[in-house]
Amino acid sequence: MKVLDSLVKILPSFEVYAHCDVPCGIYDPKPAQIAAATILKMIQKLKEYPEDDLNNRVRAIWTKEEHARKCKEELLILWTDYFKSEHLEKFPDLHDKFWKAAKLCSKNKQSVDEEAANELVKAVDEIAEMFVQSKQK
């Protein structure tokens, strides 16, 4: 135990945050839906800000990109942790929908494209509906 205590004192440590891989059953598409809606709203705001309003433009772009990252993370949690192989019977296009939605998250990080943001909102809403249906007996 003394060796372990010594190592703990010597080695650097830091807090790590992650959604657990334990099947806790706490899954919800709402965070992805909020993130997708935020991306759309930031793109709409970017159109409103004057070109010389760099502060608000940078903040909106940063928010858009951060929410695209969050959206993708939340979708991947649902895809890899919540949905199981038995869901494929009910939703044969499940993998395709998630793959395309994840790609739309990336597209929305890379550009300021209201059409792509609307497509992401729609894709996430479709996944949310699949989630709701999967809960029904």
N, C-alpha and C. Protein backbone atom coordinates (compact mmCIF):
# COMPACT_ATOMS: atom_id res chain seq x y z
N MET A 1 0.82 -1.20 0.00
CA MET A 1 0.00 0.00 0.00
C MET A 1 0.86 1.26 0.00
N LYS A 2 2.02 1.21 0.62
CA LYS A 2 2.89 2.39 0.66
C LYS A 2 3.36 2.77 -0.74
N VAL A 3 3.65 1.74 -1.55
CA VAL A 3 4.08 2.00 -2.92
C VAL A 3 2.96 2.67 -3.70
N LEU A 4 1.75 2.17 -3.56
CA LEU A 4 0.60 2.75 -4.25
C LEU A 4 0.35 4.17 -3.79
N ASP A 5 0.41 4.41 -2.49
CA ASP A 5 0.24 5.77 -1.97
C ASP A 5 1.30 6.71 -2.52
N SER A 6 2.52 6.22 -2.64
CA SER A 6 3.61 7.05 -3.18
C SER A 6 3.36 7.38 -4.64
N LEU A 7 2.91 6.38 -5.41
CA LEU A 7 2.62 6.62 -6.82
C LEU A 7 1.50 7.63 -7.00
N VAL A 8 0.48 7.55 -6.18
CA VAL A 8 -0.65 8.48 -6.27
C VAL A 8 -0.17 9.91 -6.02
N LYS A 9 0.77 10.07 -5.11
CA LYS A 9 1.29 11.40 -4.80
C LYS A 9 2.18 11.94 -5.92
N ILE A 10 2.89 11.06 -6.60
CA ILE A 10 3.84 11.47 -7.63
C ILE A 10 3.16 11.72 -8.97
N LEU A 11 2.27 10.80 -9.36
CA LEU A 11 1.65 10.87 -10.68
C LEU A 11 0.57 11.95 -10.72
N PRO A 12 0.52 12.68 -11.82
CA PRO A 12 -0.53 13.70 -11.93
C PRO A 12 -1.90 13.04 -12.09
N SER A 13 -2.91 13.71 -11.61
CA SER A 13 -4.26 13.20 -11.77
C SER A 13 -5.18 14.34 -12.17
N PHE A 14 -6.29 13.99 -12.78
CA PHE A 14 -7.27 14.98 -13.19
C PHE A 14 -8.62 14.31 -13.28
N GLU A 15 -9.67 15.12 -13.17
CA GLU A 15 -11.03 14.60 -13.26
C GLU A 15 -11.39 14.32 -14.71
N VAL A 16 -12.11 13.24 -14.91
CA VAL A 16 -12.56 12.86 -16.24
C VAL A 16 -14.07 12.71 -16.19
N TYR A 17 -14.76 13.26 -17.20
CA TYR A 17 -16.20 13.17 -17.29
C TYR A 17 -16.57 12.34 -18.52
N ALA A 18 -17.49 11.42 -18.35
CA ALA A 18 -17.94 10.62 -19.48
C ALA A 18 -19.29 10.00 -19.16
N HIS A 19 -20.04 9.77 -20.20
CA HIS A 19 -21.27 9.00 -20.05
C HIS A 19 -20.82 7.57 -19.83
N CYS A 20 -21.39 6.92 -18.85
CA CYS A 20 -20.91 5.58 -18.52
C CYS A 20 -21.31 4.55 -19.56
N ASP A 21 -20.53 3.50 -19.64
CA ASP A 21 -20.87 2.37 -20.51
C ASP A 21 -21.66 1.32 -19.75
N VAL A 22 -21.98 1.60 -18.51
CA VAL A 22 -22.83 0.71 -17.73
C VAL A 22 -24.25 0.93 -18.24
N PRO A 23 -25.01 -0.12 -18.47
CA PRO A 23 -26.37 0.08 -18.99
C PRO A 23 -27.29 0.69 -17.92
N CYS A 24 -27.13 1.98 -17.70
CA CYS A 24 -27.88 2.68 -16.66
C CYS A 24 -29.33 2.93 -17.05
N GLY A 25 -29.59 2.93 -18.34
CA GLY A 25 -30.95 3.14 -18.80
C GLY A 25 -31.35 4.60 -18.89
N ILE A 26 -30.41 5.51 -18.65
CA ILE A 26 -30.72 6.94 -18.73
C ILE A 26 -30.28 7.45 -20.10
N TYR A 27 -31.20 7.39 -21.03
CA TYR A 27 -30.94 7.83 -22.39
C TYR A 27 -32.08 8.74 -22.82
N ASP A 28 -31.75 9.77 -23.59
CA ASP A 28 -32.77 10.70 -24.05
C ASP A 28 -32.24 11.45 -25.26
N PRO A 29 -33.03 11.57 -26.31
CA PRO A 29 -32.57 12.31 -27.48
C PRO A 29 -32.68 13.84 -27.33
N LYS A 30 -33.28 14.31 -26.25
CA LYS A 30 -33.49 15.76 -26.09
C LYS A 30 -32.21 16.58 -26.18
N PRO A 31 -31.10 16.17 -25.54
CA PRO A 31 -29.89 16.98 -25.68
C PRO A 31 -29.43 17.13 -27.13
N ALA A 32 -29.58 16.09 -27.93
CA ALA A 32 -29.22 16.18 -29.35
C ALA A 32 -30.17 17.12 -30.08
N GLN A 33 -31.45 17.07 -29.74
CA GLN A 33 -32.43 17.95 -30.38
C GLN A 33 -32.16 19.41 -30.02
N ILE A 34 -31.83 19.67 -28.77
CA ILE A 34 -31.52 21.05 -28.36
C ILE A 34 -30.26 21.54 -29.06
N ALA A 35 -29.26 20.67 -29.15
CA ALA A 35 -28.02 21.06 -29.83
C ALA A 35 -28.28 21.37 -31.30
N ALA A 36 -29.06 20.54 -31.98
CA ALA A 36 -29.38 20.77 -33.39
C ALA A 36 -30.15 22.08 -33.57
N ALA A 37 -31.10 22.34 -32.69
CA ALA A 37 -31.87 23.59 -32.77
C ALA A 37 -30.96 24.80 -32.52
N THR A 38 -29.99 24.65 -31.64
CA THR A 38 -29.05 25.74 -31.36
C THR A 38 -28.19 26.03 -32.57
N ILE A 39 -27.75 25.00 -33.27
CA ILE A 39 -26.96 25.19 -34.50
C ILE A 39 -27.76 26.02 -35.50
N LEU A 40 -29.01 25.64 -35.71
CA LEU A 40 -29.86 26.37 -36.64
C LEU A 40 -30.02 27.83 -36.21
N LYS A 41 -30.26 28.04 -34.94
CA LYS A 41 -30.45 29.41 -34.43
C LYS A 41 -29.18 30.25 -34.60
N MET A 42 -28.02 29.65 -34.36
CA MET A 42 -26.77 30.41 -34.51
C MET A 42 -26.53 30.79 -35.97
N ILE A 43 -26.87 29.91 -36.88
CA ILE A 43 -26.72 30.23 -38.31
C ILE A 43 -27.66 31.37 -38.69
N GLN A 44 -28.87 31.35 -38.17
CA GLN A 44 -29.82 32.43 -38.44
C GLN A 44 -29.31 33.74 -37.85
N LYS A 45 -28.73 33.68 -36.66
CA LYS A 45 -28.19 34.90 -36.05
C LYS A 45 -27.00 35.44 -36.83
N LEU A 46 -26.17 34.54 -37.34
CA LEU A 46 -25.01 34.98 -38.13
C LEU A 46 -25.44 35.80 -39.34
N LYS A 47 -26.59 35.47 -39.90
CA LYS A 47 -27.10 36.24 -41.05
C LYS A 47 -27.53 37.65 -40.62
N GLU A 48 -27.93 37.78 -39.36
CA GLU A 48 -28.43 39.07 -38.85
C GLU A 48 -27.30 40.01 -38.43
N TYR A 49 -26.19 39.45 -37.94
CA TYR A 49 -25.11 40.30 -37.43
C TYR A 49 -24.39 41.00 -38.57
N PRO A 50 -24.08 42.27 -38.38
CA PRO A 50 -23.28 42.98 -39.40
C PRO A 50 -21.89 42.32 -39.52
N GLU A 51 -21.31 42.44 -40.69
CA GLU A 51 -19.98 41.84 -40.94
C GLU A 51 -18.93 42.34 -39.95
N ASP A 52 -19.05 43.59 -39.51
CA ASP A 52 -18.02 44.14 -38.61
C ASP A 52 -18.30 43.84 -37.14
N ASP A 53 -19.35 43.12 -36.83
CA ASP A 53 -19.65 42.73 -35.44
C ASP A 53 -18.94 41.41 -35.13
N LEU A 54 -17.61 41.49 -35.07
CA LEU A 54 -16.80 40.29 -34.91
C LEU A 54 -17.07 39.56 -33.60
N ASN A 55 -17.31 40.28 -32.54
CA ASN A 55 -17.53 39.63 -31.25
C ASN A 55 -18.72 38.68 -31.31
N ASN A 56 -19.87 39.19 -31.74
CA ASN A 56 -21.06 38.34 -31.80
C ASN A 56 -20.93 37.24 -32.86
N ARG A 57 -20.27 37.55 -33.96
CA ARG A 57 -20.09 36.54 -35.01
C ARG A 57 -19.21 35.38 -34.52
N VAL A 58 -18.12 35.73 -33.85
CA VAL A 58 -17.22 34.69 -33.32
C VAL A 58 -17.94 33.86 -32.27
N ARG A 59 -18.68 34.53 -31.40
CA ARG A 59 -19.41 33.80 -30.36
C ARG A 59 -20.45 32.86 -30.97
N ALA A 60 -21.15 33.31 -31.99
CA ALA A 60 -22.16 32.47 -32.64
C ALA A 60 -21.51 31.28 -33.34
N ILE A 61 -20.39 31.51 -34.00
CA ILE A 61 -19.69 30.41 -34.67
C ILE A 61 -19.18 29.41 -33.64
N TRP A 62 -18.59 29.90 -32.57
CA TRP A 62 -18.10 28.99 -31.53
C TRP A 62 -19.25 28.17 -30.95
N THR A 63 -20.38 28.82 -30.68
CA THR A 63 -21.54 28.12 -30.13
C THR A 63 -22.06 27.08 -31.12
N LYS A 64 -22.13 27.46 -32.39
CA LYS A 64 -22.57 26.52 -33.44
C LYS A 64 -21.67 25.29 -33.46
N GLU A 65 -20.38 25.51 -33.45
CA GLU A 65 -19.44 24.38 -33.52
C GLU A 65 -19.49 23.53 -32.27
N GLU A 66 -19.59 24.14 -31.12
CA GLU A 66 -19.66 23.39 -29.86
C GLU A 66 -20.93 22.54 -29.82
N HIS A 67 -22.04 23.09 -30.29
CA HIS A 67 -23.29 22.32 -30.28
C HIS A 67 -23.30 21.23 -31.35
N ALA A 68 -22.58 21.43 -32.42
CA ALA A 68 -22.43 20.34 -33.41
C ALA A 68 -21.66 19.19 -32.78
N ARG A 69 -20.63 19.51 -31.99
CA ARG A 69 -19.87 18.48 -31.29
C ARG A 69 -20.75 17.76 -30.28
N LYS A 70 -21.52 18.54 -29.52
CA LYS A 70 -22.43 17.95 -28.52
C LYS A 70 -23.48 17.07 -29.18
N CYS A 71 -24.04 17.54 -30.27
CA CYS A 71 -25.07 16.79 -30.98
C CYS A 71 -24.52 15.44 -31.42
N LYS A 72 -23.33 15.46 -32.01
CA LYS A 72 -22.71 14.22 -32.47
C LYS A 72 -22.44 13.28 -31.29
N GLU A 73 -21.94 13.83 -30.21
CA GLU A 73 -21.66 13.01 -29.02
C GLU A 73 -22.94 12.35 -28.50
N GLU A 74 -24.01 13.12 -28.40
CA GLU A 74 -25.28 12.57 -27.89
C GLU A 74 -25.85 11.53 -28.85
N LEU A 75 -25.74 11.78 -30.14
CA LEU A 75 -26.22 10.79 -31.12
C LEU A 75 -25.42 9.49 -31.01
N LEU A 76 -24.12 9.62 -30.87
CA LEU A 76 -23.28 8.42 -30.78
C LEU A 76 -23.57 7.61 -29.52
N ILE A 77 -23.90 8.29 -28.43
CA ILE A 77 -24.29 7.58 -27.21
C ILE A 77 -25.56 6.78 -27.45
N LEU A 78 -26.55 7.42 -28.07
CA LEU A 78 -27.80 6.70 -28.37
C LEU A 78 -27.53 5.53 -29.31
N TRP A 79 -26.76 5.78 -30.34
CA TRP A 79 -26.51 4.77 -31.37
C TRP A 79 -25.76 3.57 -30.80
N THR A 80 -24.70 3.84 -30.06
CA THR A 80 -23.83 2.74 -29.63
C THR A 80 -24.22 2.13 -28.29
N ASP A 81 -24.90 2.90 -27.43
CA ASP A 81 -25.22 2.38 -26.10
C ASP A 81 -26.69 2.02 -25.92
N TYR A 82 -27.59 2.81 -26.48
CA TYR A 82 -29.01 2.55 -26.27
C TYR A 82 -29.56 1.53 -27.28
N PHE A 83 -29.43 1.85 -28.57
CA PHE A 83 -30.03 0.98 -29.58
C PHE A 83 -29.25 -0.33 -29.69
N LYS A 84 -29.99 -1.41 -29.72
CA LYS A 84 -29.41 -2.76 -29.77
C LYS A 84 -29.80 -3.43 -31.08
N SER A 85 -29.23 -4.59 -31.31
CA SER A 85 -29.49 -5.30 -32.57
C SER A 85 -30.97 -5.63 -32.75
N GLU A 86 -31.70 -5.86 -31.66
CA GLU A 86 -33.13 -6.16 -31.79
C GLU A 86 -33.93 -4.96 -32.33
N HIS A 87 -33.40 -3.76 -32.20
CA HIS A 87 -34.08 -2.58 -32.73
C HIS A 87 -34.01 -2.54 -34.26
N LEU A 88 -33.05 -3.24 -34.83
CA LEU A 88 -32.91 -3.24 -36.29
C LEU A 88 -34.10 -3.87 -36.99
N GLU A 89 -34.78 -4.78 -36.31
CA GLU A 89 -35.98 -5.36 -36.91
C GLU A 89 -37.06 -4.30 -37.11
N LYS A 90 -37.23 -3.47 -36.10
CA LYS A 90 -38.25 -2.42 -36.16
C LYS A 90 -37.78 -1.24 -37.02
N PHE A 91 -36.47 -0.98 -36.99
CA PHE A 91 -35.89 0.17 -37.71
C PHE A 91 -34.74 -0.31 -38.60
N PRO A 92 -35.03 -0.90 -39.74
CA PRO A 92 -33.95 -1.43 -40.58
C PRO A 92 -32.98 -0.36 -41.10
N ASP A 93 -33.40 0.91 -41.12
CA ASP A 93 -32.52 1.99 -41.58
C ASP A 93 -31.85 2.72 -40.42
N LEU A 94 -31.86 2.14 -39.23
CA LEU A 94 -31.31 2.77 -38.03
C LEU A 94 -29.85 3.21 -38.24
N HIS A 95 -29.00 2.31 -38.70
CA HIS A 95 -27.59 2.66 -38.86
C HIS A 95 -27.40 3.76 -39.89
N ASP A 96 -28.14 3.71 -40.97
CA ASP A 96 -28.03 4.73 -42.00
C ASP A 96 -28.46 6.10 -41.48
N LYS A 97 -29.55 6.13 -40.71
CA LYS A 97 -30.02 7.40 -40.16
C LYS A 97 -28.99 8.02 -39.22
N PHE A 98 -28.42 7.19 -38.35
CA PHE A 98 -27.42 7.70 -37.41
C PHE A 98 -26.17 8.15 -38.15
N TRP A 99 -25.72 7.36 -39.12
CA TRP A 99 -24.52 7.69 -39.86
C TRP A 99 -24.69 9.03 -40.57
N LYS A 100 -25.84 9.21 -41.23
CA LYS A 100 -26.10 10.46 -41.95
C LYS A 100 -26.22 11.64 -40.98
N ALA A 101 -26.85 11.43 -39.83
CA ALA A 101 -26.98 12.51 -38.85
C ALA A 101 -25.60 12.91 -38.32
N ALA A 102 -24.75 11.93 -38.05
CA ALA A 102 -23.39 12.24 -37.57
C ALA A 102 -22.62 13.02 -38.62
N LYS A 103 -22.78 12.65 -39.89
CA LYS A 103 -22.13 13.38 -40.98
C LYS A 103 -22.66 14.81 -41.07
N LEU A 104 -23.97 14.98 -40.82
CA LEU A 104 -24.54 16.34 -40.83
C LEU A 104 -23.98 17.19 -39.69
N CYS A 105 -23.70 16.57 -38.56
CA CYS A 105 -23.05 17.31 -37.46
C CYS A 105 -21.72 17.87 -37.94
N SER A 106 -20.95 17.04 -38.61
CA SER A 106 -19.65 17.49 -39.14
C SER A 106 -19.83 18.59 -40.17
N LYS A 107 -20.79 18.42 -41.05
CA LYS A 107 -21.04 19.44 -42.09
C LYS A 107 -21.39 20.78 -41.44
N ASN A 108 -22.17 20.73 -40.36
CA ASN A 108 -22.56 21.97 -39.69
C ASN A 108 -21.41 22.60 -38.92
N LYS A 109 -20.43 21.82 -38.54
CA LYS A 109 -19.23 22.40 -37.95
C LYS A 109 -18.41 23.11 -39.01
N GLN A 110 -18.39 22.55 -40.19
CA GLN A 110 -17.51 23.04 -41.26
C GLN A 110 -18.07 24.23 -42.04
N SER A 111 -19.35 24.50 -41.90
CA SER A 111 -19.94 25.53 -42.74
C SER A 111 -21.03 26.30 -42.00
N VAL A 112 -21.46 27.36 -42.64
CA VAL A 112 -22.61 28.13 -42.18
C VAL A 112 -23.66 27.97 -43.26
N ASP A 113 -24.46 26.90 -43.12
CA ASP A 113 -25.38 26.48 -44.16
C ASP A 113 -26.73 26.18 -43.51
N GLU A 114 -27.68 27.10 -43.69
CA GLU A 114 -28.98 26.94 -43.04
C GLU A 114 -29.70 25.67 -43.51
N GLU A 115 -29.53 25.31 -44.77
CA GLU A 115 -30.16 24.09 -45.28
C GLU A 115 -29.60 22.85 -44.56
N ALA A 116 -28.29 22.82 -44.35
CA ALA A 116 -27.68 21.70 -43.63
C ALA A 116 -28.14 21.66 -42.18
N ALA A 117 -28.33 22.82 -41.59
CA ALA A 117 -28.82 22.88 -40.20
C ALA A 117 -30.25 22.36 -40.12
N ASN A 118 -31.08 22.75 -41.08
CA ASN A 118 -32.46 22.24 -41.12
C ASN A 118 -32.48 20.72 -41.33
N GLU A 119 -31.59 20.22 -42.18
CA GLU A 119 -31.50 18.78 -42.40
C GLU A 119 -31.11 18.06 -41.11
N LEU A 120 -30.19 18.66 -40.35
CA LEU A 120 -29.77 18.05 -39.08
C LEU A 120 -30.92 18.03 -38.09
N VAL A 121 -31.65 19.13 -37.97
CA VAL A 121 -32.80 19.17 -37.06
C VAL A 121 -33.79 18.06 -37.43
N LYS A 122 -34.06 17.93 -38.71
CA LYS A 122 -35.00 16.90 -39.18
C LYS A 122 -34.46 15.50 -38.87
N ALA A 123 -33.20 15.26 -39.14
CA ALA A 123 -32.60 13.94 -38.90
C ALA A 123 -32.63 13.58 -37.42
N VAL A 124 -32.31 14.54 -36.57
CA VAL A 124 -32.32 14.29 -35.12
C VAL A 124 -33.75 14.06 -34.64
N ASP A 125 -34.69 14.80 -35.17
CA ASP A 125 -36.10 14.58 -34.80
C ASP A 125 -36.58 13.19 -35.22
N GLU A 126 -36.13 12.72 -36.37
CA GLU A 126 -36.50 11.36 -36.81
C GLU A 126 -35.90 10.31 -35.87
N ILE A 127 -34.67 10.53 -35.44
CA ILE A 127 -34.03 9.61 -34.49
C ILE A 127 -34.77 9.66 -33.15
N ALA A 128 -35.16 10.84 -32.73
CA ALA A 128 -35.92 10.98 -31.48
C ALA A 128 -37.23 10.20 -31.57
N GLU A 129 -37.88 10.25 -32.72
CA GLU A 129 -39.12 9.51 -32.91
C GLU A 129 -38.86 8.00 -32.86
N MET A 130 -37.76 7.56 -33.44
CA MET A 130 -37.39 6.13 -33.36
C MET A 130 -37.18 5.74 -31.89
N PHE A 131 -36.54 6.62 -31.15
CA PHE A 131 -36.31 6.36 -29.73
C PHE A 131 -37.63 6.20 -28.99
N VAL A 132 -38.57 7.11 -29.23
CA VAL A 132 -39.89 7.04 -28.58
C VAL A 132 -40.58 5.74 -28.96
N GLN A 133 -40.58 5.40 -30.23
CA GLN A 133 -41.21 4.16 -30.70
C GLN A 133 -40.55 2.93 -30.10
N SER A 134 -39.27 2.99 -29.88
CA SER A 134 -38.56 1.83 -29.32
C SER A 134 -38.97 1.56 -27.88
N LYS A 135 -39.47 2.58 -27.21
CA LYS A 135 -39.91 2.43 -25.82
C LYS A 135 -41.32 1.85 -25.72
N GLN A 136 -42.07 1.92 -26.81
CA GLN A 136 -43.45 1.44 -26.80
C GLN A 136 -43.47 -0.08 -26.93
N LYS A 137 -44.33 -0.69 -26.17
CA LYS A 137 -44.46 -2.16 -26.21
C LYS A 137 -45.38 -2.59 -27.31
